[in-house]
Amino acid sequence: MGSEREHNDTLYELLGGSVREQRKKARVTQERLAKAVGVARASVANIELGNQRVSIELLYAIGRALGRDPRDL
């Protein structure tokens, strides 16, 4: 059985993959999404790779910027 850290890493990887998928469906670049939510483009890239933790506030901002309900991310 995996550790809590491994579980959290997997969760963030799944979330990041979903963010990337929704961003591409919306035809939004990482740069444009980053500007819309007030973070660096590198942060968007790291979120999509599951390497950066995402606050609830940022998750909601990403959802709004992509025209999605954050619960769908």
C-alpha atoms as a PDB file:
ATOM      1  CA  MET A   1       0.000   0.000   0.000  1.00  0.00           C
ATOM      2  CA  GLY A   2       1.346   3.431  -0.941  1.00  0.00           C
ATOM      3  CA  SER A   3       2.210   6.198   1.436  1.00  0.00           C
ATOM      4  CA  GLU A   4       0.096   9.308   1.906  1.00  0.00           C
ATOM      5  CA  ARG A   5       2.700  11.302  -0.027  1.00  0.00           C
ATOM      6  CA  GLU A   6       2.465   8.907  -2.992  1.00  0.00           C
ATOM      7  CA  HIS A   7      -1.326   9.187  -2.864  1.00  0.00           C
ATOM      8  CA  ASN A   8      -1.130  12.994  -2.832  1.00  0.00           C
ATOM      9  CA  ASP A   9       1.374  12.975  -5.698  1.00  0.00           C
ATOM     10  CA  THR A  10      -0.981  10.827  -7.757  1.00  0.00           C
ATOM     11  CA  LEU A  11      -3.883  13.137  -6.944  1.00  0.00           C
ATOM     12  CA  TYR A  12      -1.950  16.194  -8.132  1.00  0.00           C
ATOM     13  CA  GLU A  13      -0.821  14.368 -11.282  1.00  0.00           C
ATOM     14  CA  LEU A  14      -4.451  13.499 -12.101  1.00  0.00           C
ATOM     15  CA  LEU A  15      -5.592  17.052 -11.367  1.00  0.00           C
ATOM     16  CA  GLY A  16      -2.785  18.473 -13.486  1.00  0.00           C
ATOM     17  CA  GLY A  17      -3.630  16.197 -16.382  1.00  0.00           C
ATOM     18  CA  SER A  18      -7.241  17.305 -16.195  1.00  0.00           C
ATOM     19  CA  VAL A  19      -6.242  20.980 -16.134  1.00  0.00           C
ATOM     20  CA  ARG A  20      -4.084  20.416 -19.222  1.00  0.00           C
ATOM     21  CA  GLU A  21      -6.877  18.564 -21.024  1.00  0.00           C
ATOM     22  CA  GLN A  22      -9.446  21.271 -20.256  1.00  0.00           C
ATOM     23  CA  ARG A  23      -6.991  24.026 -21.209  1.00  0.00           C
ATOM     24  CA  LYS A  24      -6.339  22.408 -24.569  1.00  0.00           C
ATOM     25  CA  LYS A  25     -10.064  21.850 -25.199  1.00  0.00           C
ATOM     26  CA  ALA A  26     -10.582  25.555 -24.522  1.00  0.00           C
ATOM     27  CA  ARG A  27      -7.694  26.352 -26.902  1.00  0.00           C
ATOM     28  CA  VAL A  28      -5.951  28.408 -24.246  1.00  0.00           C
ATOM     29  CA  THR A  29      -2.162  28.606 -24.050  1.00  0.00           C
ATOM     30  CA  GLN A  30      -0.308  28.152 -20.782  1.00  0.00           C
ATOM     31  CA  GLU A  31       0.765  31.783 -21.046  1.00  0.00           C
ATOM     32  CA  ARG A  32      -2.801  33.038 -21.460  1.00  0.00           C
ATOM     33  CA  LEU A  33      -4.083  30.895 -18.595  1.00  0.00           C
ATOM     34  CA  ALA A  34      -1.222  32.061 -16.388  1.00  0.00           C
ATOM     35  CA  LYS A  35      -2.046  35.717 -17.045  1.00  0.00           C
ATOM     36  CA  ALA A  36      -5.748  35.106 -16.428  1.00  0.00           C
ATOM     37  CA  VAL A  37      -5.143  33.583 -12.995  1.00  0.00           C
ATOM     38  CA  GLY A  38      -2.152  35.684 -11.937  1.00  0.00           C
ATOM     39  CA  VAL A  39       0.655  33.122 -11.909  1.00  0.00           C
ATOM     40  CA  ALA A  40       3.764  32.500 -14.004  1.00  0.00           C
ATOM     41  CA  ARG A  41       3.560  30.288 -17.089  1.00  0.00           C
ATOM     42  CA  ALA A  42       6.025  27.942 -15.379  1.00  0.00           C
ATOM     43  CA  SER A  43       3.507  27.516 -12.553  1.00  0.00           C
ATOM     44  CA  VAL A  44       0.822  26.408 -15.016  1.00  0.00           C
ATOM     45  CA  ALA A  45       3.294  23.937 -16.532  1.00  0.00           C
ATOM     46  CA  ASN A  46       4.194  22.583 -13.092  1.00  0.00           C
ATOM     47  CA  ILE A  47       0.527  22.285 -12.102  1.00  0.00           C
ATOM     48  CA  GLU A  48      -0.186  20.335 -15.286  1.00  0.00           C
ATOM     49  CA  LEU A  49       2.717  17.980 -14.505  1.00  0.00           C
ATOM     50  CA  GLY A  50       1.525  17.482 -10.930  1.00  0.00           C
ATOM     51  CA  ASN A  51       4.671  19.118  -9.559  1.00  0.00           C
ATOM     52  CA  GLN A  52       2.981  22.098  -7.933  1.00  0.00           C
ATOM     53  CA  ARG A  53       0.291  22.083  -5.293  1.00  0.00           C
ATOM     54  CA  VAL A  54      -2.866  24.026  -6.097  1.00  0.00           C
ATOM     55  CA  SER A  55      -4.852  26.060  -3.592  1.00  0.00           C
ATOM     56  CA  ILE A  56      -8.635  25.909  -3.733  1.00  0.00           C
ATOM     57  CA  GLU A  57      -8.671  29.582  -4.724  1.00  0.00           C
ATOM     58  CA  LEU A  58      -6.314  28.956  -7.645  1.00  0.00           C
ATOM     59  CA  LEU A  59      -8.275  25.898  -8.711  1.00  0.00           C
ATOM     60  CA  TYR A  60     -11.455  27.986  -8.864  1.00  0.00           C
ATOM     61  CA  ALA A  61      -9.648  30.716 -10.809  1.00  0.00           C
ATOM     62  CA  ILE A  62      -8.375  28.147 -13.313  1.00  0.00           C
ATOM     63  CA  GLY A  63     -11.850  26.703 -13.721  1.00  0.00           C
ATOM     64  CA  ARG A  64     -13.362  30.141 -14.322  1.00  0.00           C
ATOM     65  CA  ALA A  65     -10.613  31.077 -16.785  1.00  0.00           C
ATOM     66  CA  LEU A  66     -11.327  27.898 -18.757  1.00  0.00           C
ATOM     67  CA  GLY A  67     -15.094  28.335 -18.592  1.00  0.00           C
ATOM     68  CA  ARG A  68     -15.425  25.202 -16.467  1.00  0.00           C
ATOM     69  CA  ASP A  69     -16.861  24.426 -13.088  1.00  0.00           C
ATOM     70  CA  PRO A  70     -13.779  23.786 -10.908  1.00  0.00           C
ATOM     71  CA  ARG A  71     -15.392  20.565  -9.700  1.00  0.00           C
ATOM     72  CA  ASP A  72     -15.052  19.271 -13.276  1.00  0.00           C
ATOM     73  CA  LEU A  73     -11.284  19.685 -13.273  1.00  0.00           C
END
